[in-house]
PDB file of N, CA and C in Angstrom:
ATOM      1  N   MET A   1       0.666 -91.906 -81.704  1.00  0.00           N
ATOM      2  CA  MET A   1      -0.705 -91.541 -81.448  1.00  0.00           C
ATOM      3  C   MET A   1      -0.629 -90.146 -81.001  1.00  0.00           C
ATOM      4  N   SER A   2      -1.528 -89.403 -81.372  1.00  0.00           N
ATOM      5  CA  SER A   2      -1.673 -87.533 -81.270  1.00  0.00           C
ATOM      6  C   SER A   2      -2.622 -87.854 -79.784  1.00  0.00           C
ATOM      7  N   LYS A   3      -2.506 -86.632 -78.829  1.00  0.00           N
ATOM      8  CA  LYS A   3      -3.578 -86.263 -77.928  1.00  0.00           C
ATOM      9  C   LYS A   3      -4.771 -86.403 -78.485  1.00  0.00           C
ATOM     10  N   ALA A   4      -5.090 -86.254 -79.870  1.00  0.00           N
ATOM     11  CA  ALA A   4      -6.489 -85.887 -80.172  1.00  0.00           C
ATOM     12  C   ALA A   4      -6.913 -87.184 -80.639  1.00  0.00           C
ATOM     13  N   ASP A   5      -6.506 -88.503 -80.654  1.00  0.00           N
ATOM     14  CA  ASP A   5      -6.735 -89.658 -80.903  1.00  0.00           C
ATOM     15  C   ASP A   5      -7.684 -90.072 -79.989  1.00  0.00           C
ATOM     16  N   PRO A   6      -8.821 -90.822 -80.218  1.00  0.00           N
ATOM     17  CA  PRO A   6      -9.956 -91.295 -79.317  1.00  0.00           C
ATOM     18  C   PRO A   6      -9.164 -92.721 -78.663  1.00  0.00           C
ATOM     19  N   PRO A   7      -9.363 -93.010 -77.433  1.00  0.00           N
ATOM     20  CA  PRO A   7      -9.014 -94.470 -76.956  1.00  0.00           C
ATOM     21  C   PRO A   7      -9.519 -95.542 -77.680  1.00  0.00           C
ATOM     22  N   LEU A   8      -8.891 -96.537 -78.068  1.00  0.00           N
ATOM     23  CA  LEU A   8      -9.637 -97.883 -78.528  1.00  0.00           C
ATOM     24  C   LEU A   8     -10.932 -98.210 -77.914  1.00  0.00           C
ATOM     25  N   CYS A   9     -11.110 -98.128 -76.361  1.00  0.00           N
ATOM     26  CA  CYS A   9     -12.083 -98.369 -75.949  1.00  0.00           C
ATOM     27  C   CYS A   9     -12.218 -97.455 -74.409  1.00  0.00           C
ATOM     28  N   ALA A  10     -13.299 -96.851 -74.174  1.00  0.00           N
ATOM     29  CA  ALA A  10     -13.406 -96.067 -72.979  1.00  0.00           C
ATOM     30  C   ALA A  10     -14.825 -96.476 -72.241  1.00  0.00           C
ATOM     31  N   ASP A  11     -14.673 -96.588 -71.178  1.00  0.00           N
ATOM     32  CA  ASP A  11     -15.922 -97.143 -70.248  1.00  0.00           C
ATOM     33  C   ASP A  11     -17.022 -95.553 -70.185  1.00  0.00           C
ATOM     34  N   THR A  12     -18.230 -96.122 -70.599  1.00  0.00           N
ATOM     35  CA  THR A  12     -19.439 -95.087 -70.314  1.00  0.00           C
ATOM     36  C   THR A  12     -20.540 -95.752 -69.378  1.00  0.00           C
ATOM     37  N   ASP A  13     -21.317 -94.551 -69.113  1.00  0.00           N
ATOM     38  CA  ASP A  13     -22.790 -94.984 -68.099  1.00  0.00           C
ATOM     39  C   ASP A  13     -23.308 -96.382 -68.856  1.00  0.00           C
ATOM     40  N   GLY A  14     -23.159 -97.532 -68.014  1.00  0.00           N
ATOM     41  CA  GLY A  14     -23.651 -98.848 -68.663  1.00  0.00           C
ATOM     42  C   GLY A  14     -23.180 -99.659 -69.927  1.00  0.00           C
ATOM     43  N   GLY A  15     -21.846 -99.243 -70.030  1.00  0.00           N
ATOM     44  CA  GLY A  15     -21.212 -99.883 -71.230  1.00  0.00           C
ATOM     45  C   GLY A  15     -20.031 -99.327 -71.628  1.00  0.00           C
ATOM     46  N   ILE A  16     -19.594 -99.329 -73.196  1.00  0.00           N
ATOM     47  CA  ILE A  16     -18.237 -98.803 -73.466  1.00  0.00           C
ATOM     48  C   ILE A  16     -18.430 -98.382 -74.785  1.00  0.00           C
ATOM     49  N   ILE A  17     -17.498 -97.506 -74.955  1.00  0.00           N
ATOM     50  CA  ILE A  17     -17.500 -96.781 -76.521  1.00  0.00           C
ATOM     51  C   ILE A  17     -16.412 -97.204 -77.254  1.00  0.00           C
ATOM     52  N   LEU A  18     -16.317 -97.937 -78.436  1.00  0.00           N
ATOM     53  CA  LEU A  18     -14.892 -98.507 -79.012  1.00  0.00           C
ATOM     54  C   LEU A  18     -14.792 -97.601 -80.213  1.00  0.00           C
ATOM     55  N   THR A  19     -13.765 -97.157 -80.604  1.00  0.00           N
ATOM     56  CA  THR A  19     -13.200 -96.876 -82.031  1.00  0.00           C
ATOM     57  C   THR A  19     -12.780 -97.995 -82.953  1.00  0.00           C
ATOM     58  N   LEU A  20     -13.381 -97.558 -83.904  1.00  0.00           N
ATOM     59  CA  LEU A  20     -13.491 -98.657 -85.065  1.00  0.00           C
ATOM     60  C   LEU A  20     -12.940 -98.265 -86.243  1.00  0.00           C
ATOM     61  N   HIS A  21     -12.405 -98.932 -87.018  1.00  0.00           N
ATOM     62  CA  HIS A  21     -11.989 -98.863 -88.513  1.00  0.00           C
ATOM     63  C   HIS A  21     -12.720 -99.712 -89.211  1.00  0.00           C
ATOM     64  N   ILE A  22     -13.481 -99.792 -90.261  1.00  0.00           N
ATOM     65  CA  ILE A  22     -14.345-100.475 -91.167  1.00  0.00           C
ATOM     66  C   ILE A  22     -13.977-100.667 -92.429  1.00  0.00           C
ATOM     67  N   GLN A  23     -13.651-101.962 -92.833  1.00  0.00           N
ATOM     68  CA  GLN A  23     -13.449-102.204 -94.192  1.00  0.00           C
ATOM     69  C   GLN A  23     -14.663-102.789 -94.771  1.00  0.00           C
ATOM     70  N   PRO A  24     -15.719-102.151 -95.601  1.00  0.00           N
ATOM     71  CA  PRO A  24     -16.315-102.865 -96.242  1.00  0.00           C
ATOM     72  C   PRO A  24     -15.992-103.793 -97.425  1.00  0.00           C
ATOM     73  N   ARG A  25     -17.159-104.184 -97.911  1.00  0.00           N
ATOM     74  CA  ARG A  25     -16.912-105.112 -99.045  1.00  0.00           C
ATOM     75  C   ARG A  25     -15.915-106.395 -99.169  1.00  0.00           C
ATOM     76  N   ALA A  26     -15.480-106.872 -97.556  1.00  0.00           N
ATOM     77  CA  ALA A  26     -14.393-108.149 -97.638  1.00  0.00           C
ATOM     78  C   ALA A  26     -15.129-109.503 -97.829  1.00  0.00           C
ATOM     79  N   SER A  27     -14.513-110.207 -97.792  1.00  0.00           N
ATOM     80  CA  SER A  27     -14.813-111.769 -98.388  1.00  0.00           C
ATOM     81  C   SER A  27     -15.412-112.268 -96.954  1.00  0.00           C
ATOM     82  N   LYS A  28     -15.318-111.788 -95.724  1.00  0.00           N
ATOM     83  CA  LYS A  28     -16.131-112.445 -94.856  1.00  0.00           C
ATOM     84  C   LYS A  28     -16.126-111.442 -93.605  1.00  0.00           C
ATOM     85  N   ASN A  29     -17.107-111.697 -92.944  1.00  0.00           N
ATOM     86  CA  ASN A  29     -17.195-110.685 -91.435  1.00  0.00           C
ATOM     87  C   ASN A  29     -16.220-111.025 -90.673  1.00  0.00           C
ATOM     88  N   GLU A  30     -15.286-110.466 -90.214  1.00  0.00           N
ATOM     89  CA  GLU A  30     -14.366-110.571 -89.096  1.00  0.00           C
ATOM     90  C   GLU A  30     -13.585-109.546 -88.286  1.00  0.00           C
ATOM     91  N   VAL A  31     -13.025-109.805 -87.000  1.00  0.00           N
ATOM     92  CA  VAL A  31     -12.221-109.047 -86.334  1.00  0.00           C
ATOM     93  C   VAL A  31     -10.848-109.176 -86.972  1.00  0.00           C
ATOM     94  N   CYS A  32     -10.106-108.188 -87.236  1.00  0.00           N
ATOM     95  CA  CYS A  32      -8.746-108.161 -87.598  1.00  0.00           C
ATOM     96  C   CYS A  32      -7.741-108.016 -86.730  1.00  0.00           C
ATOM     97  N   GLY A  33      -8.058-107.444 -85.690  1.00  0.00           N
ATOM     98  CA  GLY A  33      -7.029-106.579 -84.688  1.00  0.00           C
ATOM     99  C   GLY A  33      -7.157-105.289 -84.411  1.00  0.00           C
ATOM    100  N   ILE A  34      -5.984-104.804 -83.927  1.00  0.00           N
ATOM    101  CA  ILE A  34      -5.760-103.261 -84.114  1.00  0.00           C
ATOM    102  C   ILE A  34      -5.576-102.534 -84.831  1.00  0.00           C
ATOM    103  N   GLN A  35      -5.917-101.497 -85.545  1.00  0.00           N
ATOM    104  CA  GLN A  35      -5.110-100.626 -86.741  1.00  0.00           C
ATOM    105  C   GLN A  35      -5.428 -99.479 -85.844  1.00  0.00           C
ATOM    106  N   ASP A  36      -3.883 -98.715 -85.994  1.00  0.00           N
ATOM    107  CA  ASP A  36      -4.234 -96.973 -85.561  1.00  0.00           C
ATOM    108  C   ASP A  36      -5.195 -96.891 -84.606  1.00  0.00           C
ATOM    109  N   ASN A  37      -5.006 -97.447 -83.263  1.00  0.00           N
ATOM    110  CA  ASN A  37      -5.628 -97.375 -82.377  1.00  0.00           C
ATOM    111  C   ASN A  37      -6.959 -97.759 -82.271  1.00  0.00           C
ATOM    112  N   ALA A  38      -7.548 -98.545 -83.317  1.00  0.00           N
ATOM    113  CA  ALA A  38      -8.931 -98.681 -83.633  1.00  0.00           C
ATOM    114  C   ALA A  38      -9.036 -99.952 -83.789  1.00  0.00           C
ATOM    115  N   LEU A  39     -10.402-100.712 -83.262  1.00  0.00           N
ATOM    116  CA  LEU A  39     -10.708-102.102 -83.711  1.00  0.00           C
ATOM    117  C   LEU A  39     -10.724-102.129 -85.204  1.00  0.00           C
ATOM    118  N   LYS A  40     -10.077-102.934 -85.960  1.00  0.00           N
ATOM    119  CA  LYS A  40     -10.584-103.252 -87.516  1.00  0.00           C
ATOM    120  C   LYS A  40     -11.170-104.348 -87.530  1.00  0.00           C
ATOM    121  N   ILE A  41     -12.529-104.114 -88.333  1.00  0.00           N
ATOM    122  CA  ILE A  41     -13.475-105.107 -88.718  1.00  0.00           C
ATOM    123  C   ILE A  41     -13.570-104.767 -89.832  1.00  0.00           C
ATOM    124  N   ARG A  42     -13.482-106.149 -90.632  1.00  0.00           N
ATOM    125  CA  ARG A  42     -13.898-106.304 -92.167  1.00  0.00           C
ATOM    126  C   ARG A  42     -15.540-107.050 -92.237  1.00  0.00           C
ATOM    127  N   LEU A  43     -16.186-106.074 -93.046  1.00  0.00           N
ATOM    128  CA  LEU A  43     -17.718-106.718 -93.387  1.00  0.00           C
ATOM    129  C   LEU A  43     -17.825-106.692 -94.830  1.00  0.00           C
ATOM    130  N   THR A  44     -18.525-107.981 -94.860  1.00  0.00           N
ATOM    131  CA  THR A  44     -19.063-108.430 -96.391  1.00  0.00           C
ATOM    132  C   THR A  44     -20.075-107.210 -96.959  1.00  0.00           C
ATOM    133  N   SER A  45     -20.657-106.335 -96.513  1.00  0.00           N
ATOM    134  CA  SER A  45     -21.630-105.613 -96.821  1.00  0.00           C
ATOM    135  C   SER A  45     -20.912-104.331 -97.528  1.00  0.00           C
ATOM    136  N   PRO A  46     -21.431-103.598 -98.470  1.00  0.00           N
ATOM    137  CA  PRO A  46     -20.958-102.628 -99.272  1.00  0.00           C
ATOM    138  C   PRO A  46     -21.543-101.388 -98.264  1.00  0.00           C
ATOM    139  N   PRO A  47     -20.884-100.016 -98.566  1.00  0.00           N
ATOM    140  CA  PRO A  47     -21.194 -98.903 -97.623  1.00  0.00           C
ATOM    141  C   PRO A  47     -22.219 -97.857 -98.574  1.00  0.00           C
ATOM    142  N   VAL A  48     -23.108 -98.537 -98.848  1.00  0.00           N
ATOM    143  CA  VAL A  48     -24.252 -97.901 -99.506  1.00  0.00           C
ATOM    144  C   VAL A  48     -25.662 -98.113 -99.003  1.00  0.00           C
ATOM    145  N   ASP A  49     -26.209 -97.051 -98.599  1.00  0.00           N
ATOM    146  CA  ASP A  49     -27.576 -97.056 -97.983  1.00  0.00           C
ATOM    147  C   ASP A  49     -27.510 -97.662 -96.538  1.00  0.00           C
ATOM    148  N   GLY A  50     -26.438 -97.268 -95.982  1.00  0.00           N
ATOM    149  CA  GLY A  50     -26.556 -97.633 -94.465  1.00  0.00           C
ATOM    150  C   GLY A  50     -26.475 -99.151 -94.148  1.00  0.00           C
ATOM    151  N   ALA A  51     -26.202 -99.750 -95.364  1.00  0.00           N
ATOM    152  CA  ALA A  51     -26.075-101.352 -95.225  1.00  0.00           C
ATOM    153  C   ALA A  51     -24.791-101.810 -94.556  1.00  0.00           C
ATOM    154  N   ALA A  52     -23.524-100.948 -94.422  1.00  0.00           N
ATOM    155  CA  ALA A  52     -22.463-101.733 -94.001  1.00  0.00           C
ATOM    156  C   ALA A  52     -22.716-101.312 -92.345  1.00  0.00           C
ATOM    157  N   ASN A  53     -23.317 -99.979 -92.044  1.00  0.00           N
ATOM    158  CA  ASN A  53     -23.665 -99.583 -90.688  1.00  0.00           C
ATOM    159  C   ASN A  53     -24.263-100.805 -90.098  1.00  0.00           C
ATOM    160  N   LYS A  54     -25.416-101.074 -90.521  1.00  0.00           N
ATOM    161  CA  LYS A  54     -26.380-101.913 -90.122  1.00  0.00           C
ATOM    162  C   LYS A  54     -25.625-103.306 -89.882  1.00  0.00           C
ATOM    163  N   LEU A  55     -24.916-103.908 -90.863  1.00  0.00           N
ATOM    164  CA  LEU A  55     -24.386-105.079 -90.551  1.00  0.00           C
ATOM    165  C   LEU A  55     -22.935-104.948 -89.370  1.00  0.00           C
ATOM    166  N   CYS A  56     -22.397-103.729 -89.186  1.00  0.00           N
ATOM    167  CA  CYS A  56     -21.551-103.355 -88.270  1.00  0.00           C
ATOM    168  C   CYS A  56     -22.323-103.774 -87.008  1.00  0.00           C
ATOM    169  N   ARG A  57     -23.774-103.074 -86.653  1.00  0.00           N
ATOM    170  CA  ARG A  57     -24.493-103.172 -85.409  1.00  0.00           C
ATOM    171  C   ARG A  57     -24.393-104.481 -85.156  1.00  0.00           C
ATOM    172  N   GLU A  58     -24.948-105.333 -86.012  1.00  0.00           N
ATOM    173  CA  GLU A  58     -25.513-106.401 -86.100  1.00  0.00           C
ATOM    174  C   GLU A  58     -24.161-107.644 -85.459  1.00  0.00           C
ATOM    175  N   PHE A  59     -23.159-107.222 -86.143  1.00  0.00           N
ATOM    176  CA  PHE A  59     -21.891-107.930 -86.140  1.00  0.00           C
ATOM    177  C   PHE A  59     -21.508-107.901 -84.527  1.00  0.00           C
ATOM    178  N   LEU A  60     -21.427-106.750 -84.099  1.00  0.00           N
ATOM    179  CA  LEU A  60     -20.844-106.285 -82.795  1.00  0.00           C
ATOM    180  C   LEU A  60     -22.014-106.685 -81.797  1.00  0.00           C
ATOM    181  N   ALA A  61     -23.300-106.860 -82.305  1.00  0.00           N
ATOM    182  CA  ALA A  61     -24.340-107.266 -80.888  1.00  0.00           C
ATOM    183  C   ALA A  61     -24.012-108.885 -80.976  1.00  0.00           C
ATOM    184  N   GLU A  62     -23.940-109.527 -81.950  1.00  0.00           N
ATOM    185  CA  GLU A  62     -23.351-110.948 -81.847  1.00  0.00           C
ATOM    186  C   GLU A  62     -22.247-111.204 -81.249  1.00  0.00           C
ATOM    187  N   ARG A  63     -21.140-110.375 -81.456  1.00  0.00           N
ATOM    188  CA  ARG A  63     -19.969-110.822 -80.888  1.00  0.00           C
ATOM    189  C   ARG A  63     -19.915-110.172 -79.183  1.00  0.00           C
ATOM    190  N   PHE A  64     -20.531-109.387 -78.952  1.00  0.00           N
ATOM    191  CA  PHE A  64     -20.704-108.970 -77.513  1.00  0.00           C
ATOM    192  C   PHE A  64     -21.734-109.332 -76.663  1.00  0.00           C
ATOM    193  N   ASP A  65     -22.681-110.426 -77.309  1.00  0.00           N
ATOM    194  CA  ASP A  65     -23.923-110.822 -76.779  1.00  0.00           C
ATOM    195  C   ASP A  65     -24.810-109.904 -76.138  1.00  0.00           C
ATOM    196  N   VAL A  66     -25.105-109.092 -76.653  1.00  0.00           N
ATOM    197  CA  VAL A  66     -26.044-107.873 -76.544  1.00  0.00           C
ATOM    198  C   VAL A  66     -26.817-107.860 -77.658  1.00  0.00           C
ATOM    199  N   ALA A  67     -28.049-106.946 -77.283  1.00  0.00           N
ATOM    200  CA  ALA A  67     -29.415-106.639 -78.491  1.00  0.00           C
ATOM    201  C   ALA A  67     -28.733-105.797 -79.364  1.00  0.00           C
ATOM    202  N   ARG A  68     -29.124-106.137 -80.945  1.00  0.00           N
ATOM    203  CA  ARG A  68     -28.917-105.088 -81.613  1.00  0.00           C
ATOM    204  C   ARG A  68     -29.256-103.511 -81.201  1.00  0.00           C
ATOM    205  N   SER A  69     -30.275-103.360 -80.505  1.00  0.00           N
ATOM    206  CA  SER A  69     -30.914-101.973 -80.118  1.00  0.00           C
ATOM    207  C   SER A  69     -29.608-101.558 -78.866  1.00  0.00           C
ATOM    208  N   ALA A  70     -28.838-102.283 -78.735  1.00  0.00           N
ATOM    209  CA  ALA A  70     -27.901-101.964 -77.415  1.00  0.00           C
ATOM    210  C   ALA A  70     -26.343-101.406 -78.275  1.00  0.00           C
ATOM    211  N   VAL A  71     -26.373-101.280 -79.653  1.00  0.00           N
ATOM    212  CA  VAL A  71     -25.423-100.774 -80.225  1.00  0.00           C
ATOM    213  C   VAL A  71     -25.673 -99.613 -81.145  1.00  0.00           C
ATOM    214  N   GLU A  72     -25.007 -98.689 -80.620  1.00  0.00           N
ATOM    215  CA  GLU A  72     -25.286 -97.357 -81.589  1.00  0.00           C
ATOM    216  C   GLU A  72     -23.871 -96.890 -81.813  1.00  0.00           C
ATOM    217  N   ILE A  73     -24.134 -96.234 -83.308  1.00  0.00           N
ATOM    218  CA  ILE A  73     -23.073 -95.433 -83.528  1.00  0.00           C
ATOM    219  C   ILE A  73     -23.071 -94.174 -83.269  1.00  0.00           C
ATOM    220  N   VAL A  74     -21.971 -93.838 -82.434  1.00  0.00           N
ATOM    221  CA  VAL A  74     -21.922 -92.651 -81.833  1.00  0.00           C
ATOM    222  C   VAL A  74     -21.428 -91.536 -83.129  1.00  0.00           C
ATOM    223  N   SER A  75     -20.717 -91.644 -83.574  1.00  0.00           N
ATOM    224  CA  SER A  75     -19.784 -90.875 -84.583  1.00  0.00           C
ATOM    225  C   SER A  75     -19.627 -91.524 -85.943  1.00  0.00           C
ATOM    226  N   GLY A  76     -19.342 -90.979 -87.158  1.00  0.00           N
ATOM    227  CA  GLY A  76     -18.403 -91.645 -88.058  1.00  0.00           C
ATOM    228  C   GLY A  76     -19.810 -92.137 -88.870  1.00  0.00           C
ATOM    229  N   GLU A  77     -21.055 -92.281 -89.095  1.00  0.00           N
ATOM    230  CA  GLU A  77     -21.930 -92.764 -89.861  1.00  0.00           C
ATOM    231  C   GLU A  77     -21.475 -93.172 -91.247  1.00  0.00           C
ATOM    232  N   THR A  78     -20.934 -92.067 -91.764  1.00  0.00           N
ATOM    233  CA  THR A  78     -20.576 -92.027 -93.383  1.00  0.00           C
ATOM    234  C   THR A  78     -19.093 -92.403 -93.484  1.00  0.00           C
ATOM    235  N   SER A  79     -18.285 -92.662 -92.209  1.00  0.00           N
ATOM    236  CA  SER A  79     -16.786 -92.640 -92.470  1.00  0.00           C
ATOM    237  C   SER A  79     -16.680 -94.198 -92.117  1.00  0.00           C
ATOM    238  N   ARG A  80     -15.088 -94.614 -92.481  1.00  0.00           N
ATOM    239  CA  ARG A  80     -14.640 -96.059 -92.235  1.00  0.00           C
ATOM    240  C   ARG A  80     -14.307 -95.901 -90.682  1.00  0.00           C
ATOM    241  N   HIS A  81     -14.242 -94.622 -90.272  1.00  0.00           N
ATOM    242  CA  HIS A  81     -13.633 -94.651 -88.902  1.00  0.00           C
ATOM    243  C   HIS A  81     -14.943 -94.216 -88.007  1.00  0.00           C
ATOM    244  N   LYS A  82     -15.361 -95.236 -86.947  1.00  0.00           N
ATOM    245  CA  LYS A  82     -16.547 -94.919 -86.098  1.00  0.00           C
ATOM    246  C   LYS A  82     -16.253 -94.685 -84.565  1.00  0.00           C
ATOM    247  N   ARG A  83     -17.096 -94.402 -84.091  1.00  0.00           N
ATOM    248  CA  ARG A  83     -17.183 -94.708 -82.565  1.00  0.00           C
ATOM    249  C   ARG A  83     -18.385 -95.029 -82.209  1.00  0.00           C
ATOM    250  N   VAL A  84     -18.625 -96.481 -81.610  1.00  0.00           N
ATOM    251  CA  VAL A  84     -19.472 -97.261 -81.695  1.00  0.00           C
ATOM    252  C   VAL A  84     -19.809 -97.254 -79.875  1.00  0.00           C
ATOM    253  N   LYS A  85     -21.006 -97.191 -79.234  1.00  0.00           N
ATOM    254  CA  LYS A  85     -21.532 -97.305 -78.079  1.00  0.00           C
ATOM    255  C   LYS A  85     -21.850 -98.846 -77.822  1.00  0.00           C
ATOM    256  N   ILE A  86     -21.731 -99.511 -76.893  1.00  0.00           N
ATOM    257  CA  ILE A  86     -22.391-100.558 -76.628  1.00  0.00           C
ATOM    258  C   ILE A  86     -22.864-100.658 -75.265  1.00  0.00           C
ATOM    259  N   CYS A  87     -24.031-100.794 -74.945  1.00  0.00           N
ATOM    260  CA  CYS A  87     -24.582-100.896 -73.739  1.00  0.00           C
ATOM    261  C   CYS A  87     -25.127-102.077 -73.351  1.00  0.00           C
ATOM    262  N   GLY A  88     -25.731-102.209 -72.286  1.00  0.00           N
ATOM    263  CA  GLY A  88     -26.204-103.506 -71.625  1.00  0.00           C
ATOM    264  C   GLY A  88     -25.780-104.579 -70.627  1.00  0.00           C
ATOM    265  N   LYS A  89     -24.392-104.005 -70.624  1.00  0.00           N
ATOM    266  CA  LYS A  89     -23.579-105.099 -69.728  1.00  0.00           C
ATOM    267  C   LYS A  89     -22.946-104.146 -68.761  1.00  0.00           C
ATOM    268  N   ASP A  90     -22.093-104.923 -68.143  1.00  0.00           N
ATOM    269  CA  ASP A  90     -20.899-104.209 -67.032  1.00  0.00           C
ATOM    270  C   ASP A  90     -19.655-103.854 -68.076  1.00  0.00           C
ATOM    271  N   PRO A  91     -19.132-102.569 -67.933  1.00  0.00           N
ATOM    272  CA  PRO A  91     -18.120-102.681 -68.703  1.00  0.00           C
ATOM    273  C   PRO A  91     -17.073-103.119 -68.750  1.00  0.00           C
ATOM    274  N   ALA A  92     -16.577-103.972 -67.630  1.00  0.00           N
ATOM    275  CA  ALA A  92     -15.555-104.738 -67.407  1.00  0.00           C
ATOM    276  C   ALA A  92     -15.887-106.170 -68.169  1.00  0.00           C
ATOM    277  N   LEU A  93     -16.764-106.554 -67.981  1.00  0.00           N
ATOM    278  CA  LEU A  93     -17.444-107.610 -68.994  1.00  0.00           C
ATOM    279  C   LEU A  93     -17.384-107.480 -70.235  1.00  0.00           C
ATOM    280  N   LEU A  94     -17.772-105.927 -70.755  1.00  0.00           N
ATOM    281  CA  LEU A  94     -17.408-105.805 -72.269  1.00  0.00           C
ATOM    282  C   LEU A  94     -16.009-105.861 -72.683  1.00  0.00           C
ATOM    283  N   ARG A  95     -15.265-105.463 -71.939  1.00  0.00           N
ATOM    284  CA  ARG A  95     -13.546-105.165 -72.038  1.00  0.00           C
ATOM    285  C   ARG A  95     -13.055-106.496 -72.162  1.00  0.00           C
ATOM    286  N   ARG A  96     -13.679-107.687 -71.152  1.00  0.00           N
ATOM    287  CA  ARG A  96     -12.859-108.884 -71.516  1.00  0.00           C
ATOM    288  C   ARG A  96     -13.253-109.390 -72.781  1.00  0.00           C
ATOM    289  N   THR A  97     -14.591-109.313 -73.058  1.00  0.00           N
ATOM    290  CA  THR A  97     -15.121-109.670 -74.392  1.00  0.00           C
ATOM    291  C   THR A  97     -14.390-108.961 -75.724  1.00  0.00           C
ATOM    292  N   LEU A  98     -13.796-107.751 -75.589  1.00  0.00           N
ATOM    293  CA  LEU A  98     -13.060-107.231 -76.738  1.00  0.00           C
ATOM    294  C   LEU A  98     -11.753-107.775 -76.577  1.00  0.00           C
ATOM    295  N   GLU A  99     -11.125-108.183 -75.188  1.00  0.00           N
ATOM    296  CA  GLU A  99      -9.768-108.610 -75.228  1.00  0.00           C
ATOM    297  C   GLU A  99      -9.755-110.058 -75.909  1.00  0.00           C
ATOM    298  N   ALA A 100     -10.864-110.842 -75.823  1.00  0.00           N
ATOM    299  CA  ALA A 100     -10.939-112.110 -76.396  1.00  0.00           C
ATOM    300  C   ALA A 100     -10.940-112.236 -77.910  1.00  0.00           C
ATOM    301  N   LEU A 101     -11.805-111.122 -78.353  1.00  0.00           N
ATOM    302  CA  LEU A 101     -11.835-110.772 -79.560  1.00  0.00           C
ATOM    303  C   LEU A 101     -10.352-110.326 -80.501  1.00  0.00           C
ATOM    304  N   ILE A 102      -9.753-109.808 -79.627  1.00  0.00           N
ATOM    305  CA  ILE A 102      -8.144-109.211 -80.522  1.00  0.00           C
ATOM    306  C   ILE A 102      -7.327-110.189 -80.081  1.00  0.00           C
ATOM    307  N   THR A 103      -7.656-111.100 -78.963  1.00  0.00           N
ATOM    308  CA  THR A 103      -6.211-112.208 -78.758  1.00  0.00           C
ATOM    309  C   THR A 103      -6.468-113.267 -79.767  1.00  0.00           C
ATOM    310  N   PRO A 104      -5.485-113.695 -80.307  1.00  0.00           N
ATOM    311  CA  PRO A 104      -5.224-114.688 -81.267  1.00  0.00           C
ATOM    312  C   PRO A 104      -5.392-116.086 -80.423  1.00  0.00           C
TER     313      PRO A 104
END
């Protein structure tokens, strides 16, 4: 990992920021673990007209038990590599949820 790589998860005011690697057009929506210091997520939606971004926000909102409006793509709207802010809960609780998602 280079010094320029963002962390997988960083605390922010009222939530966390996650680094994601998105694989669109997958057979099912799922968290696949960690890849290159990013949470890898497979999504069924194609990367067309923002469909994959919308599904990404919905998928994360459901997994972290927050409102869809609490999930915001901070950077990477048109990239597979995204930074997403999840608000509305204590960062420690969101981190525990993240650990549960990546632990088999």
